[in-house]
Amino acid sequence: NIVEGNAGIRLFTDGVAPELLTAPINALRLTLHPE
């Protein structure tokens, strides 16, 4: 689960499904999930 991030992680969060960005955001789920 992501506990801190820098401005660069917008590269990974732009355009993904909103439910994947609900805290706690899981980095591995965010990476592999189809959405």
ModelCIF file with pLDDT and N, C-alpha, C, O atoms, coordinates in Angstrom:
data_MODEL
#
_entry.id   MODEL 
#
_entity.id                         1 
_entity.type                       polymer 
_entity.pdbx_number_of_molecules   1 
#
_entity_poly.entity_id                      1 
_entity_poly.type                           'polypeptide(L)' 
_entity_poly.nstd_linkage                   no 
_entity_poly.nstd_monomer                   no 
_entity_poly.pdbx_seq_one_letter_code       NIVEGNAGIRLFTDGVAPELLTAPINALRLTLHPE 
_entity_poly.pdbx_seq_one_letter_code_can   NIVEGNAGIRLFTDGVAPELLTAPINALRLTLHPE 
_entity_poly.pdbx_strand_id                 A 
#
loop_
_entity_poly_seq.entity_id 
_entity_poly_seq.num 
_entity_poly_seq.mon_id 
_entity_poly_seq.hetero 
1 1  ASN n 
1 2  ILE n 
1 3  VAL n 
1 4  GLU n 
1 5  GLY n 
1 6  ASN n 
1 7  ALA n 
1 8  GLY n 
1 9  ILE n 
1 10 ARG n 
1 11 LEU n 
1 12 PHE n 
1 13 THR n 
1 14 ASP n 
1 15 GLY n 
1 16 VAL n 
1 17 ALA n 
1 18 PRO n 
1 19 GLU n 
1 20 LEU n 
1 21 LEU n 
1 22 THR n 
1 23 ALA n 
1 24 PRO n 
1 25 ILE n 
1 26 ASN n 
1 27 ALA n 
1 28 LEU n 
1 29 ARG n 
1 30 LEU n 
1 31 THR n 
1 32 LEU n 
1 33 HIS n 
1 34 PRO n 
1 35 GLU n 
#
_struct_asym.id          A 
_struct_asym.entity_id   1 
#
loop_
_ma_qa_metric.id 
_ma_qa_metric.mode 
_ma_qa_metric.name 
_ma_qa_metric.software_group_id 
_ma_qa_metric.type 
1 global pLDDT . pLDDT 
2 local  pLDDT . pLDDT 
#
_ma_qa_metric_global.metric_id      1 
_ma_qa_metric_global.metric_value   95.86 
_ma_qa_metric_global.model_id       1 
_ma_qa_metric_global.ordinal_id     1 
#
loop_
_ma_qa_metric_local.label_asym_id 
_ma_qa_metric_local.label_comp_id 
_ma_qa_metric_local.label_seq_id 
_ma_qa_metric_local.metric_id 
_ma_qa_metric_local.metric_value 
_ma_qa_metric_local.model_id 
_ma_qa_metric_local.ordinal_id 
A ASN 1  2 98.00 1 1  
A ILE 2  2 97.00 1 2  
A VAL 3  2 96.00 1 3  
A GLU 4  2 96.00 1 4  
A GLY 5  2 97.00 1 5  
A ASN 6  2 97.00 1 6  
A ALA 7  2 96.00 1 7  
A GLY 8  2 96.00 1 8  
A ILE 9  2 96.00 1 9  
A ARG 10 2 95.00 1 10 
A LEU 11 2 95.00 1 11 
A PHE 12 2 96.00 1 12 
A THR 13 2 95.00 1 13 
A ASP 14 2 92.00 1 14 
A GLY 15 2 91.00 1 15 
A VAL 16 2 95.00 1 16 
A ALA 17 2 95.00 1 17 
A PRO 18 2 96.00 1 18 
A GLU 19 2 96.00 1 19 
A LEU 20 2 96.00 1 20 
A LEU 21 2 96.00 1 21 
A THR 22 2 95.00 1 22 
A ALA 23 2 93.00 1 23 
A PRO 24 2 94.00 1 24 
A ILE 25 2 97.00 1 25 
A ASN 26 2 98.00 1 26 
A ALA 27 2 98.00 1 27 
A LEU 28 2 98.00 1 28 
A ARG 29 2 98.00 1 29 
A LEU 30 2 97.00 1 30 
A THR 31 2 97.00 1 31 
A LEU 32 2 96.00 1 32 
A HIS 33 2 96.00 1 33 
A PRO 34 2 95.00 1 34 
A GLU 35 2 96.00 1 35 
#
loop_
_atom_site.group_PDB 
_atom_site.id 
_atom_site.type_symbol 
_atom_site.label_atom_id 
_atom_site.label_alt_id 
_atom_site.label_comp_id 
_atom_site.label_asym_id 
_atom_site.label_entity_id 
_atom_site.label_seq_id 
_atom_site.pdbx_PDB_ins_code 
_atom_site.Cartn_x 
_atom_site.Cartn_y 
_atom_site.Cartn_z 
_atom_site.occupancy 
_atom_site.B_iso_or_equiv 
_atom_site.pdbx_formal_charge 
_atom_site.auth_seq_id 
_atom_site.auth_comp_id 
_atom_site.auth_asym_id 
_atom_site.auth_atom_id 
_atom_site.pdbx_PDB_model_num 
ATOM 1   N N  . ASN A 1 1  ? 0.842   -1.187 0.000   1.00 98.00 ? 1  ASN A N  1 
ATOM 2   C CA . ASN A 1 1  ? 0.000   0.000  0.000   1.00 98.00 ? 1  ASN A CA 1 
ATOM 3   C C  . ASN A 1 1  ? 0.878   1.239  0.000   1.00 98.00 ? 1  ASN A C  1 
ATOM 4   O O  . ASN A 1 1  ? 1.848   1.315  0.754   1.00 98.00 ? 1  ASN A O  1 
ATOM 5   N N  . ILE A 1 2  ? 0.547   2.202  -0.834  1.00 97.00 ? 2  ILE A N  1 
ATOM 6   C CA . ILE A 1 2  ? 1.363   3.413  -0.972  1.00 97.00 ? 2  ILE A CA 1 
ATOM 7   C C  . ILE A 1 2  ? 1.120   4.313  0.235   1.00 97.00 ? 2  ILE A C  1 
ATOM 8   O O  . ILE A 1 2  ? -0.020  4.658  0.547   1.00 97.00 ? 2  ILE A O  1 
ATOM 9   N N  . VAL A 1 3  ? 2.211   4.690  0.911   1.00 96.00 ? 3  VAL A N  1 
ATOM 10  C CA . VAL A 1 3  ? 2.092   5.582  2.064   1.00 96.00 ? 3  VAL A CA 1 
ATOM 11  C C  . VAL A 1 3  ? 2.664   6.966  1.775   1.00 96.00 ? 3  VAL A C  1 
ATOM 12  O O  . VAL A 1 3  ? 2.322   7.928  2.464   1.00 96.00 ? 3  VAL A O  1 
ATOM 13  N N  . GLU A 1 4  ? 3.528   7.083  0.770   1.00 96.00 ? 4  GLU A N  1 
ATOM 14  C CA . GLU A 1 4  ? 4.079   8.374  0.341   1.00 96.00 ? 4  GLU A CA 1 
ATOM 15  C C  . GLU A 1 4  ? 4.404   8.267  -1.143  1.00 96.00 ? 4  GLU A C  1 
ATOM 16  O O  . GLU A 1 4  ? 4.690   7.179  -1.641  1.00 96.00 ? 4  GLU A O  1 
ATOM 17  N N  . GLY A 1 5  ? 4.361   9.380  -1.842  1.00 97.00 ? 5  GLY A N  1 
ATOM 18  C CA . GLY A 1 5  ? 4.761   9.392  -3.241  1.00 97.00 ? 5  GLY A CA 1 
ATOM 19  C C  . GLY A 1 5  ? 5.200   10.789 -3.636  1.00 97.00 ? 5  GLY A C  1 
ATOM 20  O O  . GLY A 1 5  ? 4.815   11.767 -2.994  1.00 97.00 ? 5  GLY A O  1 
ATOM 21  N N  . ASN A 1 6  ? 6.005   10.892 -4.687  1.00 97.00 ? 6  ASN A N  1 
ATOM 22  C CA . ASN A 1 6  ? 6.405   12.212 -5.166  1.00 97.00 ? 6  ASN A CA 1 
ATOM 23  C C  . ASN A 1 6  ? 5.525   12.631 -6.339  1.00 97.00 ? 6  ASN A C  1 
ATOM 24  O O  . ASN A 1 6  ? 4.614   11.902 -6.732  1.00 97.00 ? 6  ASN A O  1 
ATOM 25  N N  . ALA A 1 7  ? 5.800   13.804 -6.892  1.00 96.00 ? 7  ALA A N  1 
ATOM 26  C CA . ALA A 1 7  ? 4.967   14.318 -7.977  1.00 96.00 ? 7  ALA A CA 1 
ATOM 27  C C  . ALA A 1 7  ? 5.017   13.419 -9.206  1.00 96.00 ? 7  ALA A C  1 
ATOM 28  O O  . ALA A 1 7  ? 4.080   13.407 -10.004 1.00 96.00 ? 7  ALA A O  1 
ATOM 29  N N  . GLY A 1 8  ? 6.105   12.664 -9.363  1.00 96.00 ? 8  GLY A N  1 
ATOM 30  C CA . GLY A 1 8  ? 6.272   11.827 -10.541 1.00 96.00 ? 8  GLY A CA 1 
ATOM 31  C C  . GLY A 1 8  ? 5.287   10.689 -10.651 1.00 96.00 ? 8  GLY A C  1 
ATOM 32  O O  . GLY A 1 8  ? 5.102   10.150 -11.742 1.00 96.00 ? 8  GLY A O  1 
ATOM 33  N N  . ILE A 1 9  ? 4.637   10.297 -9.547  1.00 96.00 ? 9  ILE A N  1 
ATOM 34  C CA . ILE A 1 9  ? 3.736   9.134  -9.630  1.00 96.00 ? 9  ILE A CA 1 
ATOM 35  C C  . ILE A 1 9  ? 2.431   9.480  -10.338 1.00 96.00 ? 9  ILE A C  1 
ATOM 36  O O  . ILE A 1 9  ? 1.593   8.602  -10.546 1.00 96.00 ? 9  ILE A O  1 
ATOM 37  N N  . ARG A 1 10 ? 2.244   10.748 -10.714 1.00 95.00 ? 10 ARG A N  1 
ATOM 38  C CA . ARG A 1 10 ? 1.088   11.074 -11.557 1.00 95.00 ? 10 ARG A CA 1 
ATOM 39  C C  . ARG A 1 10 ? 1.147   10.308 -12.871 1.00 95.00 ? 10 ARG A C  1 
ATOM 40  O O  . ARG A 1 10 ? 0.119   10.056 -13.500 1.00 95.00 ? 10 ARG A O  1 
ATOM 41  N N  . LEU A 1 11 ? 2.351   9.943  -13.276 1.00 95.00 ? 11 LEU A N  1 
ATOM 42  C CA . LEU A 1 11 ? 2.518   9.118  -14.474 1.00 95.00 ? 11 LEU A CA 1 
ATOM 43  C C  . LEU A 1 11 ? 1.723   7.824  -14.364 1.00 95.00 ? 11 LEU A C  1 
ATOM 44  O O  . LEU A 1 11 ? 1.254   7.293  -15.371 1.00 95.00 ? 11 LEU A O  1 
ATOM 45  N N  . PHE A 1 12 ? 1.571   7.315  -13.143 1.00 96.00 ? 12 PHE A N  1 
ATOM 46  C CA . PHE A 1 12 ? 0.895   6.038  -12.919 1.00 96.00 ? 12 PHE A CA 1 
ATOM 47  C C  . PHE A 1 12 ? -0.575  6.193  -12.535 1.00 96.00 ? 12 PHE A C  1 
ATOM 48  O O  . PHE A 1 12 ? -1.343  5.237  -12.645 1.00 96.00 ? 12 PHE A O  1 
ATOM 49  N N  . THR A 1 13 ? -0.975  7.375  -12.089 1.00 95.00 ? 13 THR A N  1 
ATOM 50  C CA . THR A 1 13 ? -2.347  7.552  -11.600 1.00 95.00 ? 13 THR A CA 1 
ATOM 51  C C  . THR A 1 13 ? -3.256  8.232  -12.614 1.00 95.00 ? 13 THR A C  1 
ATOM 52  O O  . THR A 1 13 ? -4.478  8.139  -12.496 1.00 95.00 ? 13 THR A O  1 
ATOM 53  N N  . ASP A 1 14 ? -2.696  8.909  -13.601 1.00 92.00 ? 14 ASP A N  1 
ATOM 54  C CA . ASP A 1 14 ? -3.517  9.580  -14.607 1.00 92.00 ? 14 ASP A CA 1 
ATOM 55  C C  . ASP A 1 14 ? -4.324  8.563  -15.409 1.00 92.00 ? 14 ASP A C  1 
ATOM 56  O O  . ASP A 1 14 ? -3.771  7.625  -15.982 1.00 92.00 ? 14 ASP A O  1 
ATOM 57  N N  . GLY A 1 15 ? -5.641  8.765  -15.438 1.00 91.00 ? 15 GLY A N  1 
ATOM 58  C CA . GLY A 1 15 ? -6.479  7.975  -16.313 1.00 91.00 ? 15 GLY A CA 1 
ATOM 59  C C  . GLY A 1 15 ? -6.870  6.596  -15.809 1.00 91.00 ? 15 GLY A C  1 
ATOM 60  O O  . GLY A 1 15 ? -7.518  5.848  -16.541 1.00 91.00 ? 15 GLY A O  1 
ATOM 61  N N  . VAL A 1 16 ? -6.502  6.233  -14.588 1.00 95.00 ? 16 VAL A N  1 
ATOM 62  C CA . VAL A 1 16 ? -6.883  4.903  -14.092 1.00 95.00 ? 16 VAL A CA 1 
ATOM 63  C C  . VAL A 1 16 ? -8.242  4.984  -13.418 1.00 95.00 ? 16 VAL A C  1 
ATOM 64  O O  . VAL A 1 16 ? -8.712  6.075  -13.096 1.00 95.00 ? 16 VAL A O  1 
ATOM 65  N N  . ALA A 1 17 ? -8.876  3.839  -13.205 1.00 95.00 ? 17 ALA A N  1 
ATOM 66  C CA . ALA A 1 17 ? -10.207 3.795  -12.593 1.00 95.00 ? 17 ALA A CA 1 
ATOM 67  C C  . ALA A 1 17 ? -10.171 4.421  -11.198 1.00 95.00 ? 17 ALA A C  1 
ATOM 68  O O  . ALA A 1 17 ? -9.262  4.135  -10.419 1.00 95.00 ? 17 ALA A O  1 
ATOM 69  N N  . PRO A 1 18 ? -11.154 5.274  -10.875 1.00 96.00 ? 18 PRO A N  1 
ATOM 70  C CA . PRO A 1 18 ? -11.148 5.963  -9.569  1.00 96.00 ? 18 PRO A CA 1 
ATOM 71  C C  . PRO A 1 18 ? -11.093 5.014  -8.382  1.00 96.00 ? 18 PRO A C  1 
ATOM 72  O O  . PRO A 1 18 ? -10.484 5.343  -7.364  1.00 96.00 ? 18 PRO A O  1 
ATOM 73  N N  . GLU A 1 19 ? -11.721 3.829  -8.488  1.00 96.00 ? 19 GLU A N  1 
ATOM 74  C CA . GLU A 1 19 ? -11.734 2.920  -7.333  1.00 96.00 ? 19 GLU A CA 1 
ATOM 75  C C  . GLU A 1 19 ? -10.341 2.401  -6.997  1.00 96.00 ? 19 GLU A C  1 
ATOM 76  O O  . GLU A 1 19 ? -10.085 1.996  -5.863  1.00 96.00 ? 19 GLU A O  1 
ATOM 77  N N  . LEU A 1 20 ? -9.445  2.411  -7.975  1.00 96.00 ? 20 LEU A N  1 
ATOM 78  C CA . LEU A 1 20 ? -8.072  1.975  -7.703  1.00 96.00 ? 20 LEU A CA 1 
ATOM 79  C C  . LEU A 1 20 ? -7.271  3.042  -6.970  1.00 96.00 ? 20 LEU A C  1 
ATOM 80  O O  . LEU A 1 20 ? -6.181  2.771  -6.468  1.00 96.00 ? 20 LEU A O  1 
ATOM 81  N N  . LEU A 1 21 ? -7.816  4.264  -6.909  1.00 96.00 ? 21 LEU A N  1 
ATOM 82  C CA . LEU A 1 21 ? -7.130  5.377  -6.241  1.00 96.00 ? 21 LEU A CA 1 
ATOM 83  C C  . LEU A 1 21 ? -7.744  5.683  -4.886  1.00 96.00 ? 21 LEU A C  1 
ATOM 84  O O  . LEU A 1 21 ? -7.415  6.692  -4.263  1.00 96.00 ? 21 LEU A O  1 
ATOM 85  N N  . THR A 1 22 ? -8.638  4.808  -4.430  1.00 95.00 ? 22 THR A N  1 
ATOM 86  C CA . THR A 1 22 ? -9.211  4.967  -3.096  1.00 95.00 ? 22 THR A CA 1 
ATOM 87  C C  . THR A 1 22 ? -8.230  4.415  -2.066  1.00 95.00 ? 22 THR A C  1 
ATOM 88  O O  . THR A 1 22 ? -7.746  3.291  -2.196  1.00 95.00 ? 22 THR A O  1 
ATOM 89  N N  . ALA A 1 23 ? -7.945  5.212  -1.052  1.00 93.00 ? 23 ALA A N  1 
ATOM 90  C CA . ALA A 1 23 ? -6.964  4.806  -0.034  1.00 93.00 ? 23 ALA A CA 1 
ATOM 91  C C  . ALA A 1 23 ? -7.435  3.564  0.709   1.00 93.00 ? 23 ALA A C  1 
ATOM 92  O O  . ALA A 1 23 ? -8.621  3.444  1.015   1.00 93.00 ? 23 ALA A O  1 
ATOM 93  N N  . PRO A 1 24 ? -6.523  2.636  1.004   1.00 94.00 ? 24 PRO A N  1 
ATOM 94  C CA . PRO A 1 24 ? -5.113  2.677  0.617   1.00 94.00 ? 24 PRO A CA 1 
ATOM 95  C C  . PRO A 1 24 ? -4.910  2.205  -0.824  1.00 94.00 ? 24 PRO A C  1 
ATOM 96  O O  . PRO A 1 24 ? -5.462  1.186  -1.238  1.00 94.00 ? 24 PRO A O  1 
ATOM 97  N N  . ILE A 1 25 ? -4.109  2.963  -1.582  1.00 97.00 ? 25 ILE A N  1 
ATOM 98  C CA . ILE A 1 25 ? -3.817  2.595  -2.962  1.00 97.00 ? 25 ILE A CA 1 
ATOM 99  C C  . ILE A 1 25 ? -2.750  1.506  -2.948  1.00 97.00 ? 25 ILE A C  1 
ATOM 100 O O  . ILE A 1 25 ? -1.669  1.692  -2.388  1.00 97.00 ? 25 ILE A O  1 
ATOM 101 N N  . ASN A 1 26 ? -3.059  0.371  -3.564  1.00 98.00 ? 26 ASN A N  1 
ATOM 102 C CA . ASN A 1 26 ? -2.100  -0.726 -3.608  1.00 98.00 ? 26 ASN A CA 1 
ATOM 103 C C  . ASN A 1 26 ? -1.292  -0.641 -4.893  1.00 98.00 ? 26 ASN A C  1 
ATOM 104 O O  . ASN A 1 26 ? -1.856  -0.651 -5.987  1.00 98.00 ? 26 ASN A O  1 
ATOM 105 N N  . ALA A 1 27 ? 0.021   -0.558 -4.764  1.00 98.00 ? 27 ALA A N  1 
ATOM 106 C CA . ALA A 1 27 ? 0.886   -0.342 -5.924  1.00 98.00 ? 27 ALA A CA 1 
ATOM 107 C C  . ALA A 1 27 ? 0.837   -1.507 -6.912  1.00 98.00 ? 27 ALA A C  1 
ATOM 108 O O  . ALA A 1 27 ? 0.855   -1.289 -8.124  1.00 98.00 ? 27 ALA A O  1 
ATOM 109 N N  . LEU A 1 28 ? 0.774   -2.733 -6.410  1.00 98.00 ? 28 LEU A N  1 
ATOM 110 C CA . LEU A 1 28 ? 0.769   -3.887 -7.315  1.00 98.00 ? 28 LEU A CA 1 
ATOM 111 C C  . LEU A 1 28 ? -0.580  -4.027 -8.008  1.00 98.00 ? 28 LEU A C  1 
ATOM 112 O O  . LEU A 1 28 ? -0.641  -4.370 -9.189  1.00 98.00 ? 28 LEU A O  1 
ATOM 113 N N  . ARG A 1 29 ? -1.662  -3.762 -7.279  1.00 98.00 ? 29 ARG A N  1 
ATOM 114 C CA . ARG A 1 29 ? -2.990  -3.803 -7.903  1.00 98.00 ? 29 ARG A CA 1 
ATOM 115 C C  . ARG A 1 29 ? -3.084  -2.723 -8.978  1.00 98.00 ? 29 ARG A C  1 
ATOM 116 O O  . ARG A 1 29 ? -3.608  -2.968 -10.065 1.00 98.00 ? 29 ARG A O  1 
ATOM 117 N N  . LEU A 1 30 ? -2.576  -1.529 -8.675  1.00 97.00 ? 30 LEU A N  1 
ATOM 118 C CA . LEU A 1 30 ? -2.578  -0.425 -9.631  1.00 97.00 ? 30 LEU A CA 1 
ATOM 119 C C  . LEU A 1 30 ? -1.790  -0.793 -10.891 1.00 97.00 ? 30 LEU A C  1 
ATOM 120 O O  . LEU A 1 30 ? -2.168  -0.412 -11.998 1.00 97.00 ? 30 LEU A O  1 
ATOM 121 N N  . THR A 1 31 ? -0.695  -1.532 -10.716 1.00 97.00 ? 31 THR A N  1 
ATOM 122 C CA . THR A 1 31 ? 0.156   -1.890 -11.845 1.00 97.00 ? 31 THR A CA 1 
ATOM 123 C C  . THR A 1 31 ? -0.498  -2.908 -12.771 1.00 97.00 ? 31 THR A C  1 
ATOM 124 O O  . THR A 1 31 ? -0.468  -2.740 -13.990 1.00 97.00 ? 31 THR A O  1 
ATOM 125 N N  . LEU A 1 32 ? -1.088  -3.963 -12.210 1.00 96.00 ? 32 LEU A N  1 
ATOM 126 C CA . LEU A 1 32 ? -1.540  -5.087 -13.026 1.00 96.00 ? 32 LEU A CA 1 
ATOM 127 C C  . LEU A 1 32 ? -3.030  -5.067 -13.360 1.00 96.00 ? 32 LEU A C  1 
ATOM 128 O O  . LEU A 1 32 ? -3.456  -5.767 -14.279 1.00 96.00 ? 32 LEU A O  1 
ATOM 129 N N  . HIS A 1 33 ? -3.821  -4.294 -12.648 1.00 96.00 ? 33 HIS A N  1 
ATOM 130 C CA . HIS A 1 33 ? -5.266  -4.291 -12.892 1.00 96.00 ? 33 HIS A CA 1 
ATOM 131 C C  . HIS A 1 33 ? -5.564  -3.806 -14.313 1.00 96.00 ? 33 HIS A C  1 
ATOM 132 O O  . HIS A 1 33 ? -4.947  -2.843 -14.769 1.00 96.00 ? 33 HIS A O  1 
ATOM 133 N N  . PRO A 1 34 ? -6.497  -4.453 -15.022 1.00 95.00 ? 34 PRO A N  1 
ATOM 134 C CA . PRO A 1 34 ? -6.837  -4.024 -16.392 1.00 95.00 ? 34 PRO A CA 1 
ATOM 135 C C  . PRO A 1 34 ? -7.316  -2.583 -16.477 1.00 95.00 ? 34 PRO A C  1 
ATOM 136 O O  . PRO A 1 34 ? -7.142  -1.935 -17.509 1.00 95.00 ? 34 PRO A O  1 
ATOM 137 N N  . GLU A 1 35 ? -7.923  -2.066 -15.394 1.00 96.00 ? 35 GLU A N  1 
ATOM 138 C CA . GLU A 1 35 ? -8.364  -0.671 -15.394 1.00 96.00 ? 35 GLU A CA 1 
ATOM 139 C C  . GLU A 1 35 ? -7.342  0.243  -14.727 1.00 96.00 ? 35 GLU A C  1 
ATOM 140 O O  . GLU A 1 35 ? -7.559  1.452  -14.642 1.00 96.00 ? 35 GLU A O  1 
#
